[in-house]
């Protein structure tokens, strides 16, 4: 994801869970290496993924160019949020009123 002079950076990465090794018709150079246009959105994919994305792709209805998304059988996230984290005291959770949300820039 880190940009390099005169080299196009990747758009992000995804941790994915599949019942098999590999998905047919995919390529490492597009769609985070997870799906191709031919198989994206197929309910028989049985794929769950968490994407860390630094590119807003309108085709997949991305919310912005710095987000984390939950993907189920498709790169169109079922839920996504701007990348960030929560800071709170020793015994609190991110949903506590005392927690503070901080933005996190995924790209260097």
PDB file of N, CA and C in Angstrom:
ATOM      1  N   UNK A   1       0.806  -1.190   0.000  1.00  0.00           N
ATOM      2  CA  UNK A   1       0.000   0.000   0.000  1.00  0.00           C
ATOM      3  C   UNK A   1       0.854   1.261   0.000  1.00  0.00           C
ATOM      4  N   UNK A   2       2.076   1.155   0.468  1.00  0.00           N
ATOM      5  CA  UNK A   2       2.925   2.338   0.535  1.00  0.00           C
ATOM      6  C   UNK A   2       3.333   2.772  -0.864  1.00  0.00           C
ATOM      7  N   UNK A   3       3.115   4.036  -1.211  1.00  0.00           N
ATOM      8  CA  UNK A   3       3.477   4.492  -2.557  1.00  0.00           C
ATOM      9  C   UNK A   3       4.986   4.528  -2.744  1.00  0.00           C
ATOM     10  N   UNK A   4       5.386   4.207  -3.948  1.00  0.00           N
ATOM     11  CA  UNK A   4       6.788   4.246  -4.348  1.00  0.00           C
ATOM     12  C   UNK A   4       6.887   5.133  -5.578  1.00  0.00           C
ATOM     13  N   UNK A   5       7.937   5.887  -5.708  1.00  0.00           N
ATOM     14  CA  UNK A   5       8.109   6.782  -6.839  1.00  0.00           C
ATOM     15  C   UNK A   5       7.987   6.026  -8.158  1.00  0.00           C
ATOM     16  N   UNK A   6       7.151   6.554  -9.060  1.00  0.00           N
ATOM     17  CA  UNK A   6       6.937   6.007 -10.404  1.00  0.00           C
ATOM     18  C   UNK A   6       6.369   4.586 -10.432  1.00  0.00           C
ATOM     19  N   UNK A   7       5.759   4.155  -9.349  1.00  0.00           N
ATOM     20  CA  UNK A   7       5.135   2.831  -9.292  1.00  0.00           C
ATOM     21  C   UNK A   7       3.724   3.003  -8.740  1.00  0.00           C
ATOM     22  N   UNK A   8       2.746   2.388  -9.406  1.00  0.00           N
ATOM     23  CA  UNK A   8       1.385   2.459  -8.898  1.00  0.00           C
ATOM     24  C   UNK A   8       1.268   1.610  -7.638  1.00  0.00           C
ATOM     25  N   UNK A   9       0.737   2.170  -6.552  1.00  0.00           N
ATOM     26  CA  UNK A   9       0.606   1.388  -5.323  1.00  0.00           C
ATOM     27  C   UNK A   9      -0.600   0.459  -5.400  1.00  0.00           C
ATOM     28  N   UNK A  10      -0.639  -0.494  -4.510  1.00  0.00           N
ATOM     29  CA  UNK A  10      -1.826  -1.329  -4.389  1.00  0.00           C
ATOM     30  C   UNK A  10      -2.930  -0.529  -3.725  1.00  0.00           C
ATOM     31  N   UNK A  11      -4.147  -0.983  -3.886  1.00  0.00           N
ATOM     32  CA  UNK A  11      -5.290  -0.269  -3.303  1.00  0.00           C
ATOM     33  C   UNK A  11      -5.562  -0.684  -1.877  1.00  0.00           C
ATOM     34  N   UNK A  12      -4.898  -1.704  -1.413  1.00  0.00           N
ATOM     35  CA  UNK A  12      -5.116  -2.172  -0.057  1.00  0.00           C
ATOM     36  C   UNK A  12      -4.837  -3.651   0.051  1.00  0.00           C
ATOM     37  N   UNK A  13      -5.378  -4.245   1.104  1.00  0.00           N
ATOM     38  CA  UNK A  13      -5.241  -5.681   1.280  1.00  0.00           C
ATOM     39  C   UNK A  13      -6.474  -6.196   2.007  1.00  0.00           C
ATOM     40  N   UNK A  14      -6.652  -7.502   1.947  1.00  0.00           N
ATOM     41  CA  UNK A  14      -7.815  -8.116   2.581  1.00  0.00           C
ATOM     42  C   UNK A  14      -7.388  -9.412   3.264  1.00  0.00           C
ATOM     43  N   UNK A  15      -7.876  -9.606   4.483  1.00  0.00           N
ATOM     44  CA  UNK A  15      -7.753 -10.896   5.147  1.00  0.00           C
ATOM     45  C   UNK A  15      -9.031 -11.636   4.805  1.00  0.00           C
ATOM     46  N   UNK A  16      -8.913 -12.775   4.154  1.00  0.00           N
ATOM     47  CA  UNK A  16     -10.134 -13.477   3.773  1.00  0.00           C
ATOM     48  C   UNK A  16     -10.111 -14.924   4.248  1.00  0.00           C
ATOM     49  N   UNK A  17     -11.317 -15.429   4.433  1.00  0.00           N
ATOM     50  CA  UNK A  17     -11.514 -16.790   4.904  1.00  0.00           C
ATOM     51  C   UNK A  17     -12.380 -17.511   3.879  1.00  0.00           C
ATOM     52  N   UNK A  18     -11.886 -18.627   3.361  1.00  0.00           N
ATOM     53  CA  UNK A  18     -12.594 -19.392   2.340  1.00  0.00           C
ATOM     54  C   UNK A  18     -12.566 -20.870   2.718  1.00  0.00           C
ATOM     55  N   UNK A  19     -13.548 -21.626   2.240  1.00  0.00           N
ATOM     56  CA  UNK A  19     -13.552 -23.056   2.540  1.00  0.00           C
ATOM     57  C   UNK A  19     -12.607 -23.859   1.642  1.00  0.00           C
ATOM     58  N   UNK A  20     -12.019 -23.193   0.647  1.00  0.00           N
ATOM     59  CA  UNK A  20     -11.113 -23.854  -0.289  1.00  0.00           C
ATOM     60  C   UNK A  20      -9.869 -22.993  -0.480  1.00  0.00           C
ATOM     61  N   UNK A  21      -8.845 -23.546  -1.106  1.00  0.00           N
ATOM     62  CA  UNK A  21      -7.651 -22.778  -1.434  1.00  0.00           C
ATOM     63  C   UNK A  21      -7.862 -22.122  -2.790  1.00  0.00           C
ATOM     64  N   UNK A  22      -7.882 -20.808  -2.818  1.00  0.00           N
ATOM     65  CA  UNK A  22      -8.020 -20.075  -4.062  1.00  0.00           C
ATOM     66  C   UNK A  22      -9.447 -19.988  -4.564  1.00  0.00           C
ATOM     67  N   UNK A  23      -9.711 -18.974  -5.353  1.00  0.00           N
ATOM     68  CA  UNK A  23     -11.007 -18.761  -5.981  1.00  0.00           C
ATOM     69  C   UNK A  23     -10.754 -18.670  -7.476  1.00  0.00           C
ATOM     70  N   UNK A  24     -11.502 -19.421  -8.257  1.00  0.00           N
ATOM     71  CA  UNK A  24     -11.303 -19.449  -9.703  1.00  0.00           C
ATOM     72  C   UNK A  24     -11.405 -18.048 -10.311  1.00  0.00           C
ATOM     73  N   UNK A  25     -10.646 -17.822 -11.365  1.00  0.00           N
ATOM     74  CA  UNK A  25     -10.683 -16.593 -12.171  1.00  0.00           C
ATOM     75  C   UNK A  25     -10.246 -15.336 -11.422  1.00  0.00           C
ATOM     76  N   UNK A  26      -9.447 -15.459 -10.393  1.00  0.00           N
ATOM     77  CA  UNK A  26      -8.978 -14.271  -9.686  1.00  0.00           C
ATOM     78  C   UNK A  26      -7.575 -13.909 -10.140  1.00  0.00           C
ATOM     79  N   UNK A  27      -7.196 -12.671  -9.867  1.00  0.00           N
ATOM     80  CA  UNK A  27      -5.865 -12.203 -10.207  1.00  0.00           C
ATOM     81  C   UNK A  27      -5.337 -11.365  -9.048  1.00  0.00           C
ATOM     82  N   UNK A  28      -4.066 -11.412  -8.806  1.00  0.00           N
ATOM     83  CA  UNK A  28      -3.489 -10.648  -7.698  1.00  0.00           C
ATOM     84  C   UNK A  28      -3.392  -9.159  -8.006  1.00  0.00           C
ATOM     85  N   UNK A  29      -3.636  -8.778  -9.249  1.00  0.00           N
ATOM     86  CA  UNK A  29      -3.472  -7.373  -9.627  1.00  0.00           C
ATOM     87  C   UNK A  29      -4.754  -6.567  -9.610  1.00  0.00           C
ATOM     88  N   UNK A  30      -5.900  -7.197  -9.395  1.00  0.00           N
ATOM     89  CA  UNK A  30      -7.155  -6.460  -9.365  1.00  0.00           C
ATOM     90  C   UNK A  30      -8.034  -6.940  -8.224  1.00  0.00           C
ATOM     91  N   UNK A  31      -8.925  -6.058  -7.798  1.00  0.00           N
ATOM     92  CA  UNK A  31      -9.939  -6.408  -6.798  1.00  0.00           C
ATOM     93  C   UNK A  31      -9.347  -6.999  -5.524  1.00  0.00           C
ATOM     94  N   UNK A  32      -8.232  -6.427  -5.071  1.00  0.00           N
ATOM     95  CA  UNK A  32      -7.526  -6.858  -3.871  1.00  0.00           C
ATOM     96  C   UNK A  32      -7.118  -8.328  -3.936  1.00  0.00           C
ATOM     97  N   UNK A  33      -7.104  -8.904  -5.144  1.00  0.00           N
ATOM     98  CA  UNK A  33      -6.740 -10.308  -5.315  1.00  0.00           C
ATOM     99  C   UNK A  33      -7.800 -11.271  -4.828  1.00  0.00           C
ATOM    100  N   UNK A  34      -8.984 -10.761  -4.503  1.00  0.00           N
ATOM    101  CA  UNK A  34     -10.003 -11.609  -3.901  1.00  0.00           C
ATOM    102  C   UNK A  34     -10.994 -12.157  -4.920  1.00  0.00           C
ATOM    103  N   UNK A  35     -11.553 -11.303  -5.763  1.00  0.00           N
ATOM    104  CA  UNK A  35     -12.565 -11.737  -6.727  1.00  0.00           C
ATOM    105  C   UNK A  35     -12.264 -11.175  -8.105  1.00  0.00           C
ATOM    106  N   UNK A  36     -12.800 -11.813  -9.117  1.00  0.00           N
ATOM    107  CA  UNK A  36     -12.812 -11.248 -10.456  1.00  0.00           C
ATOM    108  C   UNK A  36     -14.224 -10.770 -10.731  1.00  0.00           C
ATOM    109  N   UNK A  37     -14.407 -10.036 -11.811  1.00  0.00           N
ATOM    110  CA  UNK A  37     -15.756  -9.593 -12.178  1.00  0.00           C
ATOM    111  C   UNK A  37     -16.692 -10.778 -12.400  1.00  0.00           C
ATOM    112  N   UNK A  38     -16.146 -11.902 -12.848  1.00  0.00           N
ATOM    113  CA  UNK A  38     -16.970 -13.069 -13.158  1.00  0.00           C
ATOM    114  C   UNK A  38     -17.546 -13.746 -11.913  1.00  0.00           C
ATOM    115  N   UNK A  39     -16.833 -13.697 -10.800  1.00  0.00           N
ATOM    116  CA  UNK A  39     -17.283 -14.443  -9.619  1.00  0.00           C
ATOM    117  C   UNK A  39     -17.686 -13.559  -8.446  1.00  0.00           C
ATOM    118  N   UNK A  40     -17.398 -12.263  -8.481  1.00  0.00           N
ATOM    119  CA  UNK A  40     -17.767 -11.369  -7.393  1.00  0.00           C
ATOM    120  C   UNK A  40     -19.270 -11.309  -7.214  1.00  0.00           C
ATOM    121  N   UNK A  41     -19.740 -11.445  -5.988  1.00  0.00           N
ATOM    122  CA  UNK A  41     -21.162 -11.379  -5.703  1.00  0.00           C
ATOM    123  C   UNK A  41     -21.882 -12.708  -5.769  1.00  0.00           C
ATOM    124  N   UNK A  42     -21.191 -13.768  -6.158  1.00  0.00           N
ATOM    125  CA  UNK A  42     -21.810 -15.080  -6.240  1.00  0.00           C
ATOM    126  C   UNK A  42     -22.021 -15.621  -4.820  1.00  0.00           C
ATOM    127  N   UNK A  43     -23.272 -15.926  -4.419  1.00  0.00           N
ATOM    128  CA  UNK A  43     -23.524 -16.390  -3.055  1.00  0.00           C
ATOM    129  C   UNK A  43     -22.897 -17.744  -2.732  1.00  0.00           C
ATOM    130  N   UNK A  44     -22.470 -18.492  -3.753  1.00  0.00           N
ATOM    131  CA  UNK A  44     -21.826 -19.780  -3.482  1.00  0.00           C
ATOM    132  C   UNK A  44     -20.333 -19.622  -3.214  1.00  0.00           C
ATOM    133  N   UNK A  45     -19.799 -18.396  -3.238  1.00  0.00           N
ATOM    134  CA  UNK A  45     -18.376 -18.178  -2.960  1.00  0.00           C
ATOM    135  C   UNK A  45     -17.999 -18.602  -1.543  1.00  0.00           C
ATOM    136  N   UNK A  46     -18.889 -18.410  -0.580  1.00  0.00           N
ATOM    137  CA  UNK A  46     -18.626 -18.726   0.827  1.00  0.00           C
ATOM    138  C   UNK A  46     -17.342 -18.069   1.319  1.00  0.00           C
ATOM    139  N   UNK A  47     -17.232 -16.767   1.075  1.00  0.00           N
ATOM    140  CA  UNK A  47     -16.031 -16.021   1.447  1.00  0.00           C
ATOM    141  C   UNK A  47     -16.395 -14.899   2.407  1.00  0.00           C
ATOM    142  N   UNK A  48     -15.592 -14.764   3.445  1.00  0.00           N
ATOM    143  CA  UNK A  48     -15.695 -13.655   4.388  1.00  0.00           C
ATOM    144  C   UNK A  48     -14.361 -12.936   4.378  1.00  0.00           C
ATOM    145  N   UNK A  49     -14.371 -11.615   4.302  1.00  0.00           N
ATOM    146  CA  UNK A  49     -13.121 -10.871   4.286  1.00  0.00           C
ATOM    147  C   UNK A  49     -13.219  -9.555   5.038  1.00  0.00           C
ATOM    148  N   UNK A  50     -12.081  -9.098   5.513  1.00  0.00           N
ATOM    149  CA  UNK A  50     -11.954  -7.766   6.111  1.00  0.00           C
ATOM    150  C   UNK A  50     -10.950  -7.025   5.257  1.00  0.00           C
ATOM    151  N   UNK A  51     -11.414  -5.960   4.596  1.00  0.00           N
ATOM    152  CA  UNK A  51     -10.544  -5.207   3.686  1.00  0.00           C
ATOM    153  C   UNK A  51     -10.044  -3.924   4.340  1.00  0.00           C
ATOM    154  N   UNK A  52      -8.808  -3.590   4.045  1.00  0.00           N
ATOM    155  CA  UNK A  52      -8.185  -2.335   4.451  1.00  0.00           C
ATOM    156  C   UNK A  52      -7.859  -1.629   3.141  1.00  0.00           C
ATOM    157  N   UNK A  53      -8.616  -0.598   2.807  1.00  0.00           N
ATOM    158  CA  UNK A  53      -8.622  -0.061   1.453  1.00  0.00           C
ATOM    159  C   UNK A  53      -8.246   1.417   1.443  1.00  0.00           C
ATOM    160  N   UNK A  54      -7.342   1.788   0.530  1.00  0.00           N
ATOM    161  CA  UNK A  54      -6.930   3.189   0.409  1.00  0.00           C
ATOM    162  C   UNK A  54      -7.356   3.779  -0.929  1.00  0.00           C
ATOM    163  N   UNK A  55      -8.359   3.171  -1.543  1.00  0.00           N
ATOM    164  CA  UNK A  55      -8.858   3.659  -2.823  1.00  0.00           C
ATOM    165  C   UNK A  55     -10.381   3.624  -2.796  1.00  0.00           C
ATOM    166  N   UNK A  56     -11.003   4.717  -3.200  1.00  0.00           N
ATOM    167  CA  UNK A  56     -12.465   4.748  -3.262  1.00  0.00           C
ATOM    168  C   UNK A  56     -12.898   4.260  -4.637  1.00  0.00           C
ATOM    169  N   UNK A  57     -13.469   3.072  -4.673  1.00  0.00           N
ATOM    170  CA  UNK A  57     -13.939   2.488  -5.917  1.00  0.00           C
ATOM    171  C   UNK A  57     -15.463   2.574  -5.931  1.00  0.00           C
ATOM    172  N   UNK A  58     -16.005   3.432  -6.786  1.00  0.00           N
ATOM    173  CA  UNK A  58     -17.452   3.623  -6.843  1.00  0.00           C
ATOM    174  C   UNK A  58     -18.168   2.360  -7.292  1.00  0.00           C
ATOM    175  N   UNK A  59     -17.496   1.523  -8.076  1.00  0.00           N
ATOM    176  CA  UNK A  59     -18.098   0.268  -8.519  1.00  0.00           C
ATOM    177  C   UNK A  59     -18.522  -0.589  -7.325  1.00  0.00           C
ATOM    178  N   UNK A  60     -17.740  -0.538  -6.242  1.00  0.00           N
ATOM    179  CA  UNK A  60     -18.031  -1.328  -5.047  1.00  0.00           C
ATOM    180  C   UNK A  60     -18.655  -0.492  -3.937  1.00  0.00           C
ATOM    181  N   UNK A  61     -19.084   0.727  -4.265  1.00  0.00           N
ATOM    182  CA  UNK A  61     -19.750   1.641  -3.326  1.00  0.00           C
ATOM    183  C   UNK A  61     -18.905   1.907  -2.072  1.00  0.00           C
ATOM    184  N   UNK A  62     -17.589   2.067  -2.270  1.00  0.00           N
ATOM    185  CA  UNK A  62     -16.710   2.396  -1.149  1.00  0.00           C
ATOM    186  C   UNK A  62     -17.091   3.754  -0.568  1.00  0.00           C
ATOM    187  N   UNK A  63     -16.983   3.893   0.752  1.00  0.00           N
ATOM    188  CA  UNK A  63     -17.388   5.137   1.417  1.00  0.00           C
ATOM    189  C   UNK A  63     -16.360   6.248   1.256  1.00  0.00           C
ATOM    190  N   UNK A  64     -15.073   5.892   1.138  1.00  0.00           N
ATOM    191  CA  UNK A  64     -14.012   6.884   0.954  1.00  0.00           C
ATOM    192  C   UNK A  64     -12.721   6.165   0.560  1.00  0.00           C
ATOM    193  N   UNK A  65     -11.615   6.893   0.575  1.00  0.00           N
ATOM    194  CA  UNK A  65     -10.335   6.298   0.183  1.00  0.00           C
ATOM    195  C   UNK A  65      -9.463   5.920   1.376  1.00  0.00           C
ATOM    196  N   UNK A  66     -10.094   5.676   2.519  1.00  0.00           N
ATOM    197  CA  UNK A  66      -9.363   5.282   3.724  1.00  0.00           C
ATOM    198  C   UNK A  66     -10.336   4.558   4.658  1.00  0.00           C
ATOM    199  N   UNK A  67     -10.659   3.309   4.311  1.00  0.00           N
ATOM    200  CA  UNK A  67     -11.707   2.628   5.069  1.00  0.00           C
ATOM    201  C   UNK A  67     -11.384   1.157   5.318  1.00  0.00           C
ATOM    202  N   UNK A  68     -12.130   0.603   6.258  1.00  0.00           N
ATOM    203  CA  UNK A  68     -12.088  -0.823   6.560  1.00  0.00           C
ATOM    204  C   UNK A  68     -13.484  -1.355   6.274  1.00  0.00           C
ATOM    205  N   UNK A  69     -13.564  -2.439   5.506  1.00  0.00           N
ATOM    206  CA  UNK A  69     -14.862  -2.978   5.132  1.00  0.00           C
ATOM    207  C   UNK A  69     -14.986  -4.459   5.441  1.00  0.00           C
ATOM    208  N   UNK A  70     -16.229  -4.880   5.685  1.00  0.00           N
ATOM    209  CA  UNK A  70     -16.543  -6.290   5.883  1.00  0.00           C
ATOM    210  C   UNK A  70     -17.149  -6.799   4.581  1.00  0.00           C
ATOM    211  N   UNK A  71     -16.523  -7.804   3.980  1.00  0.00           N
ATOM    212  CA  UNK A  71     -16.945  -8.331   2.685  1.00  0.00           C
ATOM    213  C   UNK A  71     -17.467  -9.763   2.841  1.00  0.00           C
ATOM    214  N   UNK A  72     -18.640 -10.005   2.260  1.00  0.00           N
ATOM    215  CA  UNK A  72     -19.214 -11.344   2.246  1.00  0.00           C
ATOM    216  C   UNK A  72     -19.544 -11.686   0.795  1.00  0.00           C
ATOM    217  N   UNK A  73     -18.774 -12.583   0.217  1.00  0.00           N
ATOM    218  CA  UNK A  73     -18.966 -13.058  -1.162  1.00  0.00           C
ATOM    219  C   UNK A  73     -18.816 -11.983  -2.226  1.00  0.00           C
ATOM    220  N   UNK A  74     -18.331 -10.808  -1.883  1.00  0.00           N
ATOM    221  CA  UNK A  74     -18.226  -9.709  -2.832  1.00  0.00           C
ATOM    222  C   UNK A  74     -17.305  -8.640  -2.263  1.00  0.00           C
ATOM    223  N   UNK A  75     -16.781  -7.767  -3.136  1.00  0.00           N
ATOM    224  CA  UNK A  75     -16.012  -6.618  -2.662  1.00  0.00           C
ATOM    225  C   UNK A  75     -16.900  -5.423  -2.342  1.00  0.00           C
ATOM    226  N   UNK A  76     -18.190  -5.546  -2.557  1.00  0.00           N
ATOM    227  CA  UNK A  76     -19.127  -4.534  -2.075  1.00  0.00           C
ATOM    228  C   UNK A  76     -19.364  -4.852  -0.607  1.00  0.00           C
ATOM    229  N   UNK A  77     -18.811  -4.037   0.262  1.00  0.00           N
ATOM    230  CA  UNK A  77     -18.840  -4.320   1.697  1.00  0.00           C
ATOM    231  C   UNK A  77     -20.259  -4.287   2.250  1.00  0.00           C
ATOM    232  N   UNK A  78     -20.550  -5.227   3.144  1.00  0.00           N
ATOM    233  CA  UNK A  78     -21.839  -5.208   3.821  1.00  0.00           C
ATOM    234  C   UNK A  78     -21.849  -4.155   4.921  1.00  0.00           C
ATOM    235  N   UNK A  79     -20.661  -3.766   5.369  1.00  0.00           N
ATOM    236  CA  UNK A  79     -20.512  -2.696   6.349  1.00  0.00           C
ATOM    237  C   UNK A  79     -19.097  -2.149   6.213  1.00  0.00           C
ATOM    238  N   UNK A  80     -18.943  -0.850   6.382  1.00  0.00           N
ATOM    239  CA  UNK A  80     -17.602  -0.252   6.343  1.00  0.00           C
ATOM    240  C   UNK A  80     -17.575   1.001   7.201  1.00  0.00           C
ATOM    241  N   UNK A  81     -16.386   1.351   7.620  1.00  0.00           N
ATOM    242  CA  UNK A  81     -16.162   2.532   8.447  1.00  0.00           C
ATOM    243  C   UNK A  81     -14.853   3.172   8.048  1.00  0.00           C
ATOM    244  N   UNK A  82     -14.754   4.465   8.301  1.00  0.00           N
ATOM    245  CA  UNK A  82     -13.484   5.136   8.085  1.00  0.00           C
ATOM    246  C   UNK A  82     -12.460   4.510   9.020  1.00  0.00           C
ATOM    247  N   UNK A  83     -11.247   4.319   8.524  1.00  0.00           N
ATOM    248  CA  UNK A  83     -10.207   3.693   9.331  1.00  0.00           C
ATOM    249  C   UNK A  83      -9.939   4.524  10.574  1.00  0.00           C
ATOM    250  N   UNK A  84      -9.852   3.866  11.702  1.00  0.00           N
ATOM    251  CA  UNK A  84      -9.612   4.567  12.956  1.00  0.00           C
ATOM    252  C   UNK A  84      -9.505   3.591  14.106  1.00  0.00           C
ATOM    253  N   UNK A  85      -9.386   4.154  15.285  1.00  0.00           N
ATOM    254  CA  UNK A  85      -9.292   3.343  16.495  1.00  0.00           C
ATOM    255  C   UNK A  85      -9.859   4.147  17.653  1.00  0.00           C
ATOM    256  N   UNK A  86     -10.075   3.480  18.774  1.00  0.00           N
ATOM    257  CA  UNK A  86     -10.642   4.128  19.950  1.00  0.00           C
ATOM    258  C   UNK A  86      -9.616   4.137  21.072  1.00  0.00           C
ATOM    259  N   UNK A  87      -9.601   5.227  21.819  1.00  0.00           N
ATOM    260  CA  UNK A  87      -8.719   5.373  22.964  1.00  0.00           C
ATOM    261  C   UNK A  87      -9.610   5.550  24.190  1.00  0.00           C
ATOM    262  N   UNK A  88      -9.344   4.760  25.213  1.00  0.00           N
ATOM    263  CA  UNK A  88     -10.112   4.911  26.448  1.00  0.00           C
ATOM    264  C   UNK A  88      -9.274   4.422  27.608  1.00  0.00           C
ATOM    265  N   UNK A  89      -9.831   4.513  28.793  1.00  0.00           N
ATOM    266  CA  UNK A  89      -9.113   4.105  29.996  1.00  0.00           C
ATOM    267  C   UNK A  89      -8.893   2.604  30.046  1.00  0.00           C
ATOM    268  N   UNK A  90      -8.309   2.161  31.114  1.00  0.00           N
ATOM    269  CA  UNK A  90      -7.922   0.774  31.295  1.00  0.00           C
ATOM    270  C   UNK A  90      -9.104  -0.195  31.230  1.00  0.00           C
ATOM    271  N   UNK A  91     -10.254   0.205  31.756  1.00  0.00           N
ATOM    272  CA  UNK A  91     -11.390  -0.712  31.847  1.00  0.00           C
ATOM    273  C   UNK A  91     -12.598  -0.221  31.065  1.00  0.00           C
ATOM    274  N   UNK A  92     -12.398   0.237  29.847  1.00  0.00           N
ATOM    275  CA  UNK A  92     -13.551   0.643  29.052  1.00  0.00           C
ATOM    276  C   UNK A  92     -13.506  -0.017  27.689  1.00  0.00           C
ATOM    277  N   UNK A  93     -14.622   0.023  26.994  1.00  0.00           N
ATOM    278  CA  UNK A  93     -14.745  -0.553  25.665  1.00  0.00           C
ATOM    279  C   UNK A  93     -14.974   0.565  24.675  1.00  0.00           C
ATOM    280  N   UNK A  94     -14.779   0.303  23.384  1.00  0.00           N
ATOM    281  CA  UNK A  94     -14.881   1.351  22.375  1.00  0.00           C
ATOM    282  C   UNK A  94     -16.252   1.997  22.337  1.00  0.00           C
ATOM    283  N   UNK A  95     -17.282   1.296  22.756  1.00  0.00           N
ATOM    284  CA  UNK A  95     -18.621   1.868  22.729  1.00  0.00           C
ATOM    285  C   UNK A  95     -18.933   2.697  23.975  1.00  0.00           C
ATOM    286  N   UNK A  96     -18.035   2.688  24.964  1.00  0.00           N
ATOM    287  CA  UNK A  96     -18.240   3.490  26.170  1.00  0.00           C
ATOM    288  C   UNK A  96     -18.210   4.972  25.847  1.00  0.00           C
ATOM    289  N   UNK A  97     -18.950   5.724  26.598  1.00  0.00           N
ATOM    290  CA  UNK A  97     -19.024   7.174  26.389  1.00  0.00           C
ATOM    291  C   UNK A  97     -17.672   7.844  26.646  1.00  0.00           C
ATOM    292  N   UNK A  98     -16.828   7.196  27.436  1.00  0.00           N
ATOM    293  CA  UNK A  98     -15.528   7.780  27.762  1.00  0.00           C
ATOM    294  C   UNK A  98     -14.476   7.542  26.675  1.00  0.00           C
ATOM    295  N   UNK A  99     -14.792   6.706  25.684  1.00  0.00           N
ATOM    296  CA  UNK A  99     -13.798   6.430  24.655  1.00  0.00           C
ATOM    297  C   UNK A  99     -13.740   7.577  23.649  1.00  0.00           C
ATOM    298  N   UNK A 100     -12.604   7.726  23.032  1.00  0.00           N
ATOM    299  CA  UNK A 100     -12.384   8.785  22.040  1.00  0.00           C
ATOM    300  C   UNK A 100     -11.972   8.135  20.715  1.00  0.00           C
ATOM    301  N   UNK A 101     -12.647   8.493  19.651  1.00  0.00           N
ATOM    302  CA  UNK A 101     -12.351   7.957  18.339  1.00  0.00           C
ATOM    303  C   UNK A 101     -11.229   8.755  17.687  1.00  0.00           C
ATOM    304  N   UNK A 102     -10.255   8.067  17.133  1.00  0.00           N
ATOM    305  CA  UNK A 102      -9.117   8.699  16.448  1.00  0.00           C
ATOM    306  C   UNK A 102      -9.057   8.200  15.006  1.00  0.00           C
ATOM    307  N   UNK A 103      -8.804   9.104  14.074  1.00  0.00           N
ATOM    308  CA  UNK A 103      -8.628   8.720  12.683  1.00  0.00           C
ATOM    309  C   UNK A 103      -7.288   8.016  12.518  1.00  0.00           C
ATOM    310  N   UNK A 104      -7.232   7.097  11.561  1.00  0.00           N
ATOM    311  CA  UNK A 104      -6.010   6.380  11.251  1.00  0.00           C
ATOM    312  C   UNK A 104      -5.808   6.399   9.743  1.00  0.00           C
ATOM    313  N   UNK A 105      -4.705   6.924   9.289  1.00  0.00           N
ATOM    314  CA  UNK A 105      -4.386   6.979   7.867  1.00  0.00           C
ATOM    315  C   UNK A 105      -3.725   5.668   7.481  1.00  0.00           C
ATOM    316  N   UNK A 106      -4.382   4.878   6.612  1.00  0.00           N
ATOM    317  CA  UNK A 106      -3.836   3.581   6.220  1.00  0.00           C
ATOM    318  C   UNK A 106      -2.633   3.707   5.308  1.00  0.00           C
ATOM    319  N   UNK A 107      -2.551   4.762   4.534  1.00  0.00           N
ATOM    320  CA  UNK A 107      -1.473   4.952   3.577  1.00  0.00           C
ATOM    321  C   UNK A 107      -0.326   5.706   4.239  1.00  0.00           C
ATOM    322  N   UNK A 108       0.902   5.317   3.892  1.00  0.00           N
ATOM    323  CA  UNK A 108       2.075   6.038   4.434  1.00  0.00           C
ATOM    324  C   UNK A 108       2.276   7.359   3.727  1.00  0.00           C
TER     325      UNK A 108
END
